[in-house]
Amino acid sequence: DIDDNDKPVEPHIHLVIVLDESLNI
């Protein structure tokens, strides 16, 4: 990924989770 200043963004994860019930964050 590149930021708005055309500089590399630190490596990071995007994690998507589905739970069987609502839990507090």
PDBML (XML) file of the C-alpha atoms, coordinates in Angstrom:
<?xml version="1.0" encoding="UTF-8" ?>
<PDBx:datablock datablockName="MODEL"
   xmlns:PDBx="http://pdbml.pdb.org/schema/pdbx-v50.xsd"
   xmlns:xsi="http://www.w3.org/2001/XMLSchema-instance"
   xsi:schemaLocation="http://pdbml.pdb.org/schema/pdbx-v50.xsd pdbx-v50.xsd">
   <PDBx:atom_siteCategory>
      <PDBx:atom_site id="1">
         <PDBx:B_iso_or_equiv>0.00</PDBx:B_iso_or_equiv>
         <PDBx:Cartn_x>0.000</PDBx:Cartn_x>
         <PDBx:Cartn_y>0.000</PDBx:Cartn_y>
         <PDBx:Cartn_z>0.000</PDBx:Cartn_z>
         <PDBx:auth_asym_id>A</PDBx:auth_asym_id>
         <PDBx:auth_atom_id>CA</PDBx:auth_atom_id>
         <PDBx:auth_comp_id>ASP</PDBx:auth_comp_id>
         <PDBx:auth_seq_id>1</PDBx:auth_seq_id>
         <PDBx:group_PDB>ATOM</PDBx:group_PDB>
         <PDBx:label_alt_id xsi:nil="true" />
         <PDBx:label_asym_id>A</PDBx:label_asym_id>
         <PDBx:label_atom_id>CA</PDBx:label_atom_id>
         <PDBx:label_comp_id>ASP</PDBx:label_comp_id>
         <PDBx:label_entity_id>1</PDBx:label_entity_id>
         <PDBx:label_seq_id>1</PDBx:label_seq_id>
         <PDBx:occupancy>1.00</PDBx:occupancy>
         <PDBx:pdbx_PDB_model_num>1</PDBx:pdbx_PDB_model_num>
         <PDBx:type_symbol>C</PDBx:type_symbol>
      </PDBx:atom_site>
      <PDBx:atom_site id="2">
         <PDBx:B_iso_or_equiv>0.00</PDBx:B_iso_or_equiv>
         <PDBx:Cartn_x>1.000</PDBx:Cartn_x>
         <PDBx:Cartn_y>3.596</PDBx:Cartn_y>
         <PDBx:Cartn_z>-0.684</PDBx:Cartn_z>
         <PDBx:auth_asym_id>A</PDBx:auth_asym_id>
         <PDBx:auth_atom_id>CA</PDBx:auth_atom_id>
         <PDBx:auth_comp_id>ILE</PDBx:auth_comp_id>
         <PDBx:auth_seq_id>2</PDBx:auth_seq_id>
         <PDBx:group_PDB>ATOM</PDBx:group_PDB>
         <PDBx:label_alt_id xsi:nil="true" />
         <PDBx:label_asym_id>A</PDBx:label_asym_id>
         <PDBx:label_atom_id>CA</PDBx:label_atom_id>
         <PDBx:label_comp_id>ILE</PDBx:label_comp_id>
         <PDBx:label_entity_id>1</PDBx:label_entity_id>
         <PDBx:label_seq_id>2</PDBx:label_seq_id>
         <PDBx:occupancy>1.00</PDBx:occupancy>
         <PDBx:pdbx_PDB_model_num>1</PDBx:pdbx_PDB_model_num>
         <PDBx:type_symbol>C</PDBx:type_symbol>
      </PDBx:atom_site>
      <PDBx:atom_site id="3">
         <PDBx:B_iso_or_equiv>0.00</PDBx:B_iso_or_equiv>
         <PDBx:Cartn_x>-0.180</PDBx:Cartn_x>
         <PDBx:Cartn_y>6.576</PDBx:Cartn_y>
         <PDBx:Cartn_z>1.385</PDBx:Cartn_z>
         <PDBx:auth_asym_id>A</PDBx:auth_asym_id>
         <PDBx:auth_atom_id>CA</PDBx:auth_atom_id>
         <PDBx:auth_comp_id>ASP</PDBx:auth_comp_id>
         <PDBx:auth_seq_id>3</PDBx:auth_seq_id>
         <PDBx:group_PDB>ATOM</PDBx:group_PDB>
         <PDBx:label_alt_id xsi:nil="true" />
         <PDBx:label_asym_id>A</PDBx:label_asym_id>
         <PDBx:label_atom_id>CA</PDBx:label_atom_id>
         <PDBx:label_comp_id>ASP</PDBx:label_comp_id>
         <PDBx:label_entity_id>1</PDBx:label_entity_id>
         <PDBx:label_seq_id>3</PDBx:label_seq_id>
         <PDBx:occupancy>1.00</PDBx:occupancy>
         <PDBx:pdbx_PDB_model_num>1</PDBx:pdbx_PDB_model_num>
         <PDBx:type_symbol>C</PDBx:type_symbol>
      </PDBx:atom_site>
      <PDBx:atom_site id="4">
         <PDBx:B_iso_or_equiv>0.00</PDBx:B_iso_or_equiv>
         <PDBx:Cartn_x>-1.388</PDBx:Cartn_x>
         <PDBx:Cartn_y>9.941</PDBx:Cartn_y>
         <PDBx:Cartn_z>0.083</PDBx:Cartn_z>
         <PDBx:auth_asym_id>A</PDBx:auth_asym_id>
         <PDBx:auth_atom_id>CA</PDBx:auth_atom_id>
         <PDBx:auth_comp_id>ASP</PDBx:auth_comp_id>
         <PDBx:auth_seq_id>4</PDBx:auth_seq_id>
         <PDBx:group_PDB>ATOM</PDBx:group_PDB>
         <PDBx:label_alt_id xsi:nil="true" />
         <PDBx:label_asym_id>A</PDBx:label_asym_id>
         <PDBx:label_atom_id>CA</PDBx:label_atom_id>
         <PDBx:label_comp_id>ASP</PDBx:label_comp_id>
         <PDBx:label_entity_id>1</PDBx:label_entity_id>
         <PDBx:label_seq_id>4</PDBx:label_seq_id>
         <PDBx:occupancy>1.00</PDBx:occupancy>
         <PDBx:pdbx_PDB_model_num>1</PDBx:pdbx_PDB_model_num>
         <PDBx:type_symbol>C</PDBx:type_symbol>
      </PDBx:atom_site>
      <PDBx:atom_site id="5">
         <PDBx:B_iso_or_equiv>0.00</PDBx:B_iso_or_equiv>
         <PDBx:Cartn_x>2.216</PDBx:Cartn_x>
         <PDBx:Cartn_y>11.166</PDBx:Cartn_y>
         <PDBx:Cartn_z>-0.067</PDBx:Cartn_z>
         <PDBx:auth_asym_id>A</PDBx:auth_asym_id>
         <PDBx:auth_atom_id>CA</PDBx:auth_atom_id>
         <PDBx:auth_comp_id>ASN</PDBx:auth_comp_id>
         <PDBx:auth_seq_id>5</PDBx:auth_seq_id>
         <PDBx:group_PDB>ATOM</PDBx:group_PDB>
         <PDBx:label_alt_id xsi:nil="true" />
         <PDBx:label_asym_id>A</PDBx:label_asym_id>
         <PDBx:label_atom_id>CA</PDBx:label_atom_id>
         <PDBx:label_comp_id>ASN</PDBx:label_comp_id>
         <PDBx:label_entity_id>1</PDBx:label_entity_id>
         <PDBx:label_seq_id>5</PDBx:label_seq_id>
         <PDBx:occupancy>1.00</PDBx:occupancy>
         <PDBx:pdbx_PDB_model_num>1</PDBx:pdbx_PDB_model_num>
         <PDBx:type_symbol>C</PDBx:type_symbol>
      </PDBx:atom_site>
      <PDBx:atom_site id="6">
         <PDBx:B_iso_or_equiv>0.00</PDBx:B_iso_or_equiv>
         <PDBx:Cartn_x>3.273</PDBx:Cartn_x>
         <PDBx:Cartn_y>8.208</PDBx:Cartn_y>
         <PDBx:Cartn_z>-2.246</PDBx:Cartn_z>
         <PDBx:auth_asym_id>A</PDBx:auth_asym_id>
         <PDBx:auth_atom_id>CA</PDBx:auth_atom_id>
         <PDBx:auth_comp_id>ASP</PDBx:auth_comp_id>
         <PDBx:auth_seq_id>6</PDBx:auth_seq_id>
         <PDBx:group_PDB>ATOM</PDBx:group_PDB>
         <PDBx:label_alt_id xsi:nil="true" />
         <PDBx:label_asym_id>A</PDBx:label_asym_id>
         <PDBx:label_atom_id>CA</PDBx:label_atom_id>
         <PDBx:label_comp_id>ASP</PDBx:label_comp_id>
         <PDBx:label_entity_id>1</PDBx:label_entity_id>
         <PDBx:label_seq_id>6</PDBx:label_seq_id>
         <PDBx:occupancy>1.00</PDBx:occupancy>
         <PDBx:pdbx_PDB_model_num>1</PDBx:pdbx_PDB_model_num>
         <PDBx:type_symbol>C</PDBx:type_symbol>
      </PDBx:atom_site>
      <PDBx:atom_site id="7">
         <PDBx:B_iso_or_equiv>0.00</PDBx:B_iso_or_equiv>
         <PDBx:Cartn_x>5.184</PDBx:Cartn_x>
         <PDBx:Cartn_y>6.652</PDBx:Cartn_y>
         <PDBx:Cartn_z>0.636</PDBx:Cartn_z>
         <PDBx:auth_asym_id>A</PDBx:auth_asym_id>
         <PDBx:auth_atom_id>CA</PDBx:auth_atom_id>
         <PDBx:auth_comp_id>LYS</PDBx:auth_comp_id>
         <PDBx:auth_seq_id>7</PDBx:auth_seq_id>
         <PDBx:group_PDB>ATOM</PDBx:group_PDB>
         <PDBx:label_alt_id xsi:nil="true" />
         <PDBx:label_asym_id>A</PDBx:label_asym_id>
         <PDBx:label_atom_id>CA</PDBx:label_atom_id>
         <PDBx:label_comp_id>LYS</PDBx:label_comp_id>
         <PDBx:label_entity_id>1</PDBx:label_entity_id>
         <PDBx:label_seq_id>7</PDBx:label_seq_id>
         <PDBx:occupancy>1.00</PDBx:occupancy>
         <PDBx:pdbx_PDB_model_num>1</PDBx:pdbx_PDB_model_num>
         <PDBx:type_symbol>C</PDBx:type_symbol>
      </PDBx:atom_site>
      <PDBx:atom_site id="8">
         <PDBx:B_iso_or_equiv>0.00</PDBx:B_iso_or_equiv>
         <PDBx:Cartn_x>4.982</PDBx:Cartn_x>
         <PDBx:Cartn_y>2.939</PDBx:Cartn_y>
         <PDBx:Cartn_z>1.534</PDBx:Cartn_z>
         <PDBx:auth_asym_id>A</PDBx:auth_asym_id>
         <PDBx:auth_atom_id>CA</PDBx:auth_atom_id>
         <PDBx:auth_comp_id>PRO</PDBx:auth_comp_id>
         <PDBx:auth_seq_id>8</PDBx:auth_seq_id>
         <PDBx:group_PDB>ATOM</PDBx:group_PDB>
         <PDBx:label_alt_id xsi:nil="true" />
         <PDBx:label_asym_id>A</PDBx:label_asym_id>
         <PDBx:label_atom_id>CA</PDBx:label_atom_id>
         <PDBx:label_comp_id>PRO</PDBx:label_comp_id>
         <PDBx:label_entity_id>1</PDBx:label_entity_id>
         <PDBx:label_seq_id>8</PDBx:label_seq_id>
         <PDBx:occupancy>1.00</PDBx:occupancy>
         <PDBx:pdbx_PDB_model_num>1</PDBx:pdbx_PDB_model_num>
         <PDBx:type_symbol>C</PDBx:type_symbol>
      </PDBx:atom_site>
      <PDBx:atom_site id="9">
         <PDBx:B_iso_or_equiv>0.00</PDBx:B_iso_or_equiv>
         <PDBx:Cartn_x>2.556</PDBx:Cartn_x>
         <PDBx:Cartn_y>2.067</PDBx:Cartn_y>
         <PDBx:Cartn_z>4.319</PDBx:Cartn_z>
         <PDBx:auth_asym_id>A</PDBx:auth_asym_id>
         <PDBx:auth_atom_id>CA</PDBx:auth_atom_id>
         <PDBx:auth_comp_id>VAL</PDBx:auth_comp_id>
         <PDBx:auth_seq_id>9</PDBx:auth_seq_id>
         <PDBx:group_PDB>ATOM</PDBx:group_PDB>
         <PDBx:label_alt_id xsi:nil="true" />
         <PDBx:label_asym_id>A</PDBx:label_asym_id>
         <PDBx:label_atom_id>CA</PDBx:label_atom_id>
         <PDBx:label_comp_id>VAL</PDBx:label_comp_id>
         <PDBx:label_entity_id>1</PDBx:label_entity_id>
         <PDBx:label_seq_id>9</PDBx:label_seq_id>
         <PDBx:occupancy>1.00</PDBx:occupancy>
         <PDBx:pdbx_PDB_model_num>1</PDBx:pdbx_PDB_model_num>
         <PDBx:type_symbol>C</PDBx:type_symbol>
      </PDBx:atom_site>
      <PDBx:atom_site id="10">
         <PDBx:B_iso_or_equiv>0.00</PDBx:B_iso_or_equiv>
         <PDBx:Cartn_x>3.739</PDBx:Cartn_x>
         <PDBx:Cartn_y>-0.212</PDBx:Cartn_y>
         <PDBx:Cartn_z>7.104</PDBx:Cartn_z>
         <PDBx:auth_asym_id>A</PDBx:auth_asym_id>
         <PDBx:auth_atom_id>CA</PDBx:auth_atom_id>
         <PDBx:auth_comp_id>GLU</PDBx:auth_comp_id>
         <PDBx:auth_seq_id>10</PDBx:auth_seq_id>
         <PDBx:group_PDB>ATOM</PDBx:group_PDB>
         <PDBx:label_alt_id xsi:nil="true" />
         <PDBx:label_asym_id>A</PDBx:label_asym_id>
         <PDBx:label_atom_id>CA</PDBx:label_atom_id>
         <PDBx:label_comp_id>GLU</PDBx:label_comp_id>
         <PDBx:label_entity_id>1</PDBx:label_entity_id>
         <PDBx:label_seq_id>10</PDBx:label_seq_id>
         <PDBx:occupancy>1.00</PDBx:occupancy>
         <PDBx:pdbx_PDB_model_num>1</PDBx:pdbx_PDB_model_num>
         <PDBx:type_symbol>C</PDBx:type_symbol>
      </PDBx:atom_site>
      <PDBx:atom_site id="11">
         <PDBx:B_iso_or_equiv>0.00</PDBx:B_iso_or_equiv>
         <PDBx:Cartn_x>2.756</PDBx:Cartn_x>
         <PDBx:Cartn_y>-3.848</PDBx:Cartn_y>
         <PDBx:Cartn_z>6.427</PDBx:Cartn_z>
         <PDBx:auth_asym_id>A</PDBx:auth_asym_id>
         <PDBx:auth_atom_id>CA</PDBx:auth_atom_id>
         <PDBx:auth_comp_id>PRO</PDBx:auth_comp_id>
         <PDBx:auth_seq_id>11</PDBx:auth_seq_id>
         <PDBx:group_PDB>ATOM</PDBx:group_PDB>
         <PDBx:label_alt_id xsi:nil="true" />
         <PDBx:label_asym_id>A</PDBx:label_asym_id>
         <PDBx:label_atom_id>CA</PDBx:label_atom_id>
         <PDBx:label_comp_id>PRO</PDBx:label_comp_id>
         <PDBx:label_entity_id>1</PDBx:label_entity_id>
         <PDBx:label_seq_id>11</PDBx:label_seq_id>
         <PDBx:occupancy>1.00</PDBx:occupancy>
         <PDBx:pdbx_PDB_model_num>1</PDBx:pdbx_PDB_model_num>
         <PDBx:type_symbol>C</PDBx:type_symbol>
      </PDBx:atom_site>
      <PDBx:atom_site id="12">
         <PDBx:B_iso_or_equiv>0.00</PDBx:B_iso_or_equiv>
         <PDBx:Cartn_x>-0.538</PDBx:Cartn_x>
         <PDBx:Cartn_y>-4.572</PDBx:Cartn_y>
         <PDBx:Cartn_z>8.205</PDBx:Cartn_z>
         <PDBx:auth_asym_id>A</PDBx:auth_asym_id>
         <PDBx:auth_atom_id>CA</PDBx:auth_atom_id>
         <PDBx:auth_comp_id>HIS</PDBx:auth_comp_id>
         <PDBx:auth_seq_id>12</PDBx:auth_seq_id>
         <PDBx:group_PDB>ATOM</PDBx:group_PDB>
         <PDBx:label_alt_id xsi:nil="true" />
         <PDBx:label_asym_id>A</PDBx:label_asym_id>
         <PDBx:label_atom_id>CA</PDBx:label_atom_id>
         <PDBx:label_comp_id>HIS</PDBx:label_comp_id>
         <PDBx:label_entity_id>1</PDBx:label_entity_id>
         <PDBx:label_seq_id>12</PDBx:label_seq_id>
         <PDBx:occupancy>1.00</PDBx:occupancy>
         <PDBx:pdbx_PDB_model_num>1</PDBx:pdbx_PDB_model_num>
         <PDBx:type_symbol>C</PDBx:type_symbol>
      </PDBx:atom_site>
      <PDBx:atom_site id="13">
         <PDBx:B_iso_or_equiv>0.00</PDBx:B_iso_or_equiv>
         <PDBx:Cartn_x>-3.332</PDBx:Cartn_x>
         <PDBx:Cartn_y>-7.107</PDBx:Cartn_y>
         <PDBx:Cartn_z>8.304</PDBx:Cartn_z>
         <PDBx:auth_asym_id>A</PDBx:auth_asym_id>
         <PDBx:auth_atom_id>CA</PDBx:auth_atom_id>
         <PDBx:auth_comp_id>ILE</PDBx:auth_comp_id>
         <PDBx:auth_seq_id>13</PDBx:auth_seq_id>
         <PDBx:group_PDB>ATOM</PDBx:group_PDB>
         <PDBx:label_alt_id xsi:nil="true" />
         <PDBx:label_asym_id>A</PDBx:label_asym_id>
         <PDBx:label_atom_id>CA</PDBx:label_atom_id>
         <PDBx:label_comp_id>ILE</PDBx:label_comp_id>
         <PDBx:label_entity_id>1</PDBx:label_entity_id>
         <PDBx:label_seq_id>13</PDBx:label_seq_id>
         <PDBx:occupancy>1.00</PDBx:occupancy>
         <PDBx:pdbx_PDB_model_num>1</PDBx:pdbx_PDB_model_num>
         <PDBx:type_symbol>C</PDBx:type_symbol>
      </PDBx:atom_site>
      <PDBx:atom_site id="14">
         <PDBx:B_iso_or_equiv>0.00</PDBx:B_iso_or_equiv>
         <PDBx:Cartn_x>-6.986</PDBx:Cartn_x>
         <PDBx:Cartn_y>-6.692</PDBx:Cartn_y>
         <PDBx:Cartn_z>7.427</PDBx:Cartn_z>
         <PDBx:auth_asym_id>A</PDBx:auth_asym_id>
         <PDBx:auth_atom_id>CA</PDBx:auth_atom_id>
         <PDBx:auth_comp_id>HIS</PDBx:auth_comp_id>
         <PDBx:auth_seq_id>14</PDBx:auth_seq_id>
         <PDBx:group_PDB>ATOM</PDBx:group_PDB>
         <PDBx:label_alt_id xsi:nil="true" />
         <PDBx:label_asym_id>A</PDBx:label_asym_id>
         <PDBx:label_atom_id>CA</PDBx:label_atom_id>
         <PDBx:label_comp_id>HIS</PDBx:label_comp_id>
         <PDBx:label_entity_id>1</PDBx:label_entity_id>
         <PDBx:label_seq_id>14</PDBx:label_seq_id>
         <PDBx:occupancy>1.00</PDBx:occupancy>
         <PDBx:pdbx_PDB_model_num>1</PDBx:pdbx_PDB_model_num>
         <PDBx:type_symbol>C</PDBx:type_symbol>
      </PDBx:atom_site>
      <PDBx:atom_site id="15">
         <PDBx:B_iso_or_equiv>0.00</PDBx:B_iso_or_equiv>
         <PDBx:Cartn_x>-8.912</PDBx:Cartn_x>
         <PDBx:Cartn_y>-9.282</PDBx:Cartn_y>
         <PDBx:Cartn_z>9.409</PDBx:Cartn_z>
         <PDBx:auth_asym_id>A</PDBx:auth_asym_id>
         <PDBx:auth_atom_id>CA</PDBx:auth_atom_id>
         <PDBx:auth_comp_id>LEU</PDBx:auth_comp_id>
         <PDBx:auth_seq_id>15</PDBx:auth_seq_id>
         <PDBx:group_PDB>ATOM</PDBx:group_PDB>
         <PDBx:label_alt_id xsi:nil="true" />
         <PDBx:label_asym_id>A</PDBx:label_asym_id>
         <PDBx:label_atom_id>CA</PDBx:label_atom_id>
         <PDBx:label_comp_id>LEU</PDBx:label_comp_id>
         <PDBx:label_entity_id>1</PDBx:label_entity_id>
         <PDBx:label_seq_id>15</PDBx:label_seq_id>
         <PDBx:occupancy>1.00</PDBx:occupancy>
         <PDBx:pdbx_PDB_model_num>1</PDBx:pdbx_PDB_model_num>
         <PDBx:type_symbol>C</PDBx:type_symbol>
      </PDBx:atom_site>
      <PDBx:atom_site id="16">
         <PDBx:B_iso_or_equiv>0.00</PDBx:B_iso_or_equiv>
         <PDBx:Cartn_x>-12.635</PDBx:Cartn_x>
         <PDBx:Cartn_y>-9.961</PDBx:Cartn_y>
         <PDBx:Cartn_z>8.990</PDBx:Cartn_z>
         <PDBx:auth_asym_id>A</PDBx:auth_asym_id>
         <PDBx:auth_atom_id>CA</PDBx:auth_atom_id>
         <PDBx:auth_comp_id>VAL</PDBx:auth_comp_id>
         <PDBx:auth_seq_id>16</PDBx:auth_seq_id>
         <PDBx:group_PDB>ATOM</PDBx:group_PDB>
         <PDBx:label_alt_id xsi:nil="true" />
         <PDBx:label_asym_id>A</PDBx:label_asym_id>
         <PDBx:label_atom_id>CA</PDBx:label_atom_id>
         <PDBx:label_comp_id>VAL</PDBx:label_comp_id>
         <PDBx:label_entity_id>1</PDBx:label_entity_id>
         <PDBx:label_seq_id>16</PDBx:label_seq_id>
         <PDBx:occupancy>1.00</PDBx:occupancy>
         <PDBx:pdbx_PDB_model_num>1</PDBx:pdbx_PDB_model_num>
         <PDBx:type_symbol>C</PDBx:type_symbol>
      </PDBx:atom_site>
      <PDBx:atom_site id="17">
         <PDBx:B_iso_or_equiv>0.00</PDBx:B_iso_or_equiv>
         <PDBx:Cartn_x>-14.426</PDBx:Cartn_x>
         <PDBx:Cartn_y>-11.894</PDBx:Cartn_y>
         <PDBx:Cartn_z>11.743</PDBx:Cartn_z>
         <PDBx:auth_asym_id>A</PDBx:auth_asym_id>
         <PDBx:auth_atom_id>CA</PDBx:auth_atom_id>
         <PDBx:auth_comp_id>ILE</PDBx:auth_comp_id>
         <PDBx:auth_seq_id>17</PDBx:auth_seq_id>
         <PDBx:group_PDB>ATOM</PDBx:group_PDB>
         <PDBx:label_alt_id xsi:nil="true" />
         <PDBx:label_asym_id>A</PDBx:label_asym_id>
         <PDBx:label_atom_id>CA</PDBx:label_atom_id>
         <PDBx:label_comp_id>ILE</PDBx:label_comp_id>
         <PDBx:label_entity_id>1</PDBx:label_entity_id>
         <PDBx:label_seq_id>17</PDBx:label_seq_id>
         <PDBx:occupancy>1.00</PDBx:occupancy>
         <PDBx:pdbx_PDB_model_num>1</PDBx:pdbx_PDB_model_num>
         <PDBx:type_symbol>C</PDBx:type_symbol>
      </PDBx:atom_site>
      <PDBx:atom_site id="18">
         <PDBx:B_iso_or_equiv>0.00</PDBx:B_iso_or_equiv>
         <PDBx:Cartn_x>-17.949</PDBx:Cartn_x>
         <PDBx:Cartn_y>-13.319</PDBx:Cartn_y>
         <PDBx:Cartn_z>11.999</PDBx:Cartn_z>
         <PDBx:auth_asym_id>A</PDBx:auth_asym_id>
         <PDBx:auth_atom_id>CA</PDBx:auth_atom_id>
         <PDBx:auth_comp_id>VAL</PDBx:auth_comp_id>
         <PDBx:auth_seq_id>18</PDBx:auth_seq_id>
         <PDBx:group_PDB>ATOM</PDBx:group_PDB>
         <PDBx:label_alt_id xsi:nil="true" />
         <PDBx:label_asym_id>A</PDBx:label_asym_id>
         <PDBx:label_atom_id>CA</PDBx:label_atom_id>
         <PDBx:label_comp_id>VAL</PDBx:label_comp_id>
         <PDBx:label_entity_id>1</PDBx:label_entity_id>
         <PDBx:label_seq_id>18</PDBx:label_seq_id>
         <PDBx:occupancy>1.00</PDBx:occupancy>
         <PDBx:pdbx_PDB_model_num>1</PDBx:pdbx_PDB_model_num>
         <PDBx:type_symbol>C</PDBx:type_symbol>
      </PDBx:atom_site>
      <PDBx:atom_site id="19">
         <PDBx:B_iso_or_equiv>0.00</PDBx:B_iso_or_equiv>
         <PDBx:Cartn_x>-19.101</PDBx:Cartn_x>
         <PDBx:Cartn_y>-14.357</PDBx:Cartn_y>
         <PDBx:Cartn_z>15.482</PDBx:Cartn_z>
         <PDBx:auth_asym_id>A</PDBx:auth_asym_id>
         <PDBx:auth_atom_id>CA</PDBx:auth_atom_id>
         <PDBx:auth_comp_id>LEU</PDBx:auth_comp_id>
         <PDBx:auth_seq_id>19</PDBx:auth_seq_id>
         <PDBx:group_PDB>ATOM</PDBx:group_PDB>
         <PDBx:label_alt_id xsi:nil="true" />
         <PDBx:label_asym_id>A</PDBx:label_asym_id>
         <PDBx:label_atom_id>CA</PDBx:label_atom_id>
         <PDBx:label_comp_id>LEU</PDBx:label_comp_id>
         <PDBx:label_entity_id>1</PDBx:label_entity_id>
         <PDBx:label_seq_id>19</PDBx:label_seq_id>
         <PDBx:occupancy>1.00</PDBx:occupancy>
         <PDBx:pdbx_PDB_model_num>1</PDBx:pdbx_PDB_model_num>
         <PDBx:type_symbol>C</PDBx:type_symbol>
      </PDBx:atom_site>
      <PDBx:atom_site id="20">
         <PDBx:B_iso_or_equiv>0.00</PDBx:B_iso_or_equiv>
         <PDBx:Cartn_x>-21.986</PDBx:Cartn_x>
         <PDBx:Cartn_y>-16.590</PDBx:Cartn_y>
         <PDBx:Cartn_z>16.492</PDBx:Cartn_z>
         <PDBx:auth_asym_id>A</PDBx:auth_asym_id>
         <PDBx:auth_atom_id>CA</PDBx:auth_atom_id>
         <PDBx:auth_comp_id>ASP</PDBx:auth_comp_id>
         <PDBx:auth_seq_id>20</PDBx:auth_seq_id>
         <PDBx:group_PDB>ATOM</PDBx:group_PDB>
         <PDBx:label_alt_id xsi:nil="true" />
         <PDBx:label_asym_id>A</PDBx:label_asym_id>
         <PDBx:label_atom_id>CA</PDBx:label_atom_id>
         <PDBx:label_comp_id>ASP</PDBx:label_comp_id>
         <PDBx:label_entity_id>1</PDBx:label_entity_id>
         <PDBx:label_seq_id>20</PDBx:label_seq_id>
         <PDBx:occupancy>1.00</PDBx:occupancy>
         <PDBx:pdbx_PDB_model_num>1</PDBx:pdbx_PDB_model_num>
         <PDBx:type_symbol>C</PDBx:type_symbol>
      </PDBx:atom_site>
      <PDBx:atom_site id="21">
         <PDBx:B_iso_or_equiv>0.00</PDBx:B_iso_or_equiv>
         <PDBx:Cartn_x>-23.260</PDBx:Cartn_x>
         <PDBx:Cartn_y>-13.858</PDBx:Cartn_y>
         <PDBx:Cartn_z>18.815</PDBx:Cartn_z>
         <PDBx:auth_asym_id>A</PDBx:auth_asym_id>
         <PDBx:auth_atom_id>CA</PDBx:auth_atom_id>
         <PDBx:auth_comp_id>GLU</PDBx:auth_comp_id>
         <PDBx:auth_seq_id>21</PDBx:auth_seq_id>
         <PDBx:group_PDB>ATOM</PDBx:group_PDB>
         <PDBx:label_alt_id xsi:nil="true" />
         <PDBx:label_asym_id>A</PDBx:label_asym_id>
         <PDBx:label_atom_id>CA</PDBx:label_atom_id>
         <PDBx:label_comp_id>GLU</PDBx:label_comp_id>
         <PDBx:label_entity_id>1</PDBx:label_entity_id>
         <PDBx:label_seq_id>21</PDBx:label_seq_id>
         <PDBx:occupancy>1.00</PDBx:occupancy>
         <PDBx:pdbx_PDB_model_num>1</PDBx:pdbx_PDB_model_num>
         <PDBx:type_symbol>C</PDBx:type_symbol>
      </PDBx:atom_site>
      <PDBx:atom_site id="22">
         <PDBx:B_iso_or_equiv>0.00</PDBx:B_iso_or_equiv>
         <PDBx:Cartn_x>-22.554</PDBx:Cartn_x>
         <PDBx:Cartn_y>-10.209</PDBx:Cartn_y>
         <PDBx:Cartn_z>19.519</PDBx:Cartn_z>
         <PDBx:auth_asym_id>A</PDBx:auth_asym_id>
         <PDBx:auth_atom_id>CA</PDBx:auth_atom_id>
         <PDBx:auth_comp_id>SER</PDBx:auth_comp_id>
         <PDBx:auth_seq_id>22</PDBx:auth_seq_id>
         <PDBx:group_PDB>ATOM</PDBx:group_PDB>
         <PDBx:label_alt_id xsi:nil="true" />
         <PDBx:label_asym_id>A</PDBx:label_asym_id>
         <PDBx:label_atom_id>CA</PDBx:label_atom_id>
         <PDBx:label_comp_id>SER</PDBx:label_comp_id>
         <PDBx:label_entity_id>1</PDBx:label_entity_id>
         <PDBx:label_seq_id>22</PDBx:label_seq_id>
         <PDBx:occupancy>1.00</PDBx:occupancy>
         <PDBx:pdbx_PDB_model_num>1</PDBx:pdbx_PDB_model_num>
         <PDBx:type_symbol>C</PDBx:type_symbol>
      </PDBx:atom_site>
      <PDBx:atom_site id="23">
         <PDBx:B_iso_or_equiv>0.00</PDBx:B_iso_or_equiv>
         <PDBx:Cartn_x>-19.577</PDBx:Cartn_x>
         <PDBx:Cartn_y>-9.613</PDBx:Cartn_y>
         <PDBx:Cartn_z>21.790</PDBx:Cartn_z>
         <PDBx:auth_asym_id>A</PDBx:auth_asym_id>
         <PDBx:auth_atom_id>CA</PDBx:auth_atom_id>
         <PDBx:auth_comp_id>LEU</PDBx:auth_comp_id>
         <PDBx:auth_seq_id>23</PDBx:auth_seq_id>
         <PDBx:group_PDB>ATOM</PDBx:group_PDB>
         <PDBx:label_alt_id xsi:nil="true" />
         <PDBx:label_asym_id>A</PDBx:label_asym_id>
         <PDBx:label_atom_id>CA</PDBx:label_atom_id>
         <PDBx:label_comp_id>LEU</PDBx:label_comp_id>
         <PDBx:label_entity_id>1</PDBx:label_entity_id>
         <PDBx:label_seq_id>23</PDBx:label_seq_id>
         <PDBx:occupancy>1.00</PDBx:occupancy>
         <PDBx:pdbx_PDB_model_num>1</PDBx:pdbx_PDB_model_num>
         <PDBx:type_symbol>C</PDBx:type_symbol>
      </PDBx:atom_site>
      <PDBx:atom_site id="24">
         <PDBx:B_iso_or_equiv>0.00</PDBx:B_iso_or_equiv>
         <PDBx:Cartn_x>-18.143</PDBx:Cartn_x>
         <PDBx:Cartn_y>-6.482</PDBx:Cartn_y>
         <PDBx:Cartn_z>23.347</PDBx:Cartn_z>
         <PDBx:auth_asym_id>A</PDBx:auth_asym_id>
         <PDBx:auth_atom_id>CA</PDBx:auth_atom_id>
         <PDBx:auth_comp_id>ASN</PDBx:auth_comp_id>
         <PDBx:auth_seq_id>24</PDBx:auth_seq_id>
         <PDBx:group_PDB>ATOM</PDBx:group_PDB>
         <PDBx:label_alt_id xsi:nil="true" />
         <PDBx:label_asym_id>A</PDBx:label_asym_id>
         <PDBx:label_atom_id>CA</PDBx:label_atom_id>
         <PDBx:label_comp_id>ASN</PDBx:label_comp_id>
         <PDBx:label_entity_id>1</PDBx:label_entity_id>
         <PDBx:label_seq_id>24</PDBx:label_seq_id>
         <PDBx:occupancy>1.00</PDBx:occupancy>
         <PDBx:pdbx_PDB_model_num>1</PDBx:pdbx_PDB_model_num>
         <PDBx:type_symbol>C</PDBx:type_symbol>
      </PDBx:atom_site>
      <PDBx:atom_site id="25">
         <PDBx:B_iso_or_equiv>0.00</PDBx:B_iso_or_equiv>
         <PDBx:Cartn_x>-15.299</PDBx:Cartn_x>
         <PDBx:Cartn_y>-5.001</PDBx:Cartn_y>
         <PDBx:Cartn_z>21.345</PDBx:Cartn_z>
         <PDBx:auth_asym_id>A</PDBx:auth_asym_id>
         <PDBx:auth_atom_id>CA</PDBx:auth_atom_id>
         <PDBx:auth_comp_id>ILE</PDBx:auth_comp_id>
         <PDBx:auth_seq_id>25</PDBx:auth_seq_id>
         <PDBx:group_PDB>ATOM</PDBx:group_PDB>
         <PDBx:label_alt_id xsi:nil="true" />
         <PDBx:label_asym_id>A</PDBx:label_asym_id>
         <PDBx:label_atom_id>CA</PDBx:label_atom_id>
         <PDBx:label_comp_id>ILE</PDBx:label_comp_id>
         <PDBx:label_entity_id>1</PDBx:label_entity_id>
         <PDBx:label_seq_id>25</PDBx:label_seq_id>
         <PDBx:occupancy>1.00</PDBx:occupancy>
         <PDBx:pdbx_PDB_model_num>1</PDBx:pdbx_PDB_model_num>
         <PDBx:type_symbol>C</PDBx:type_symbol>
      </PDBx:atom_site>
   </PDBx:atom_siteCategory>
</PDBx:datablock>
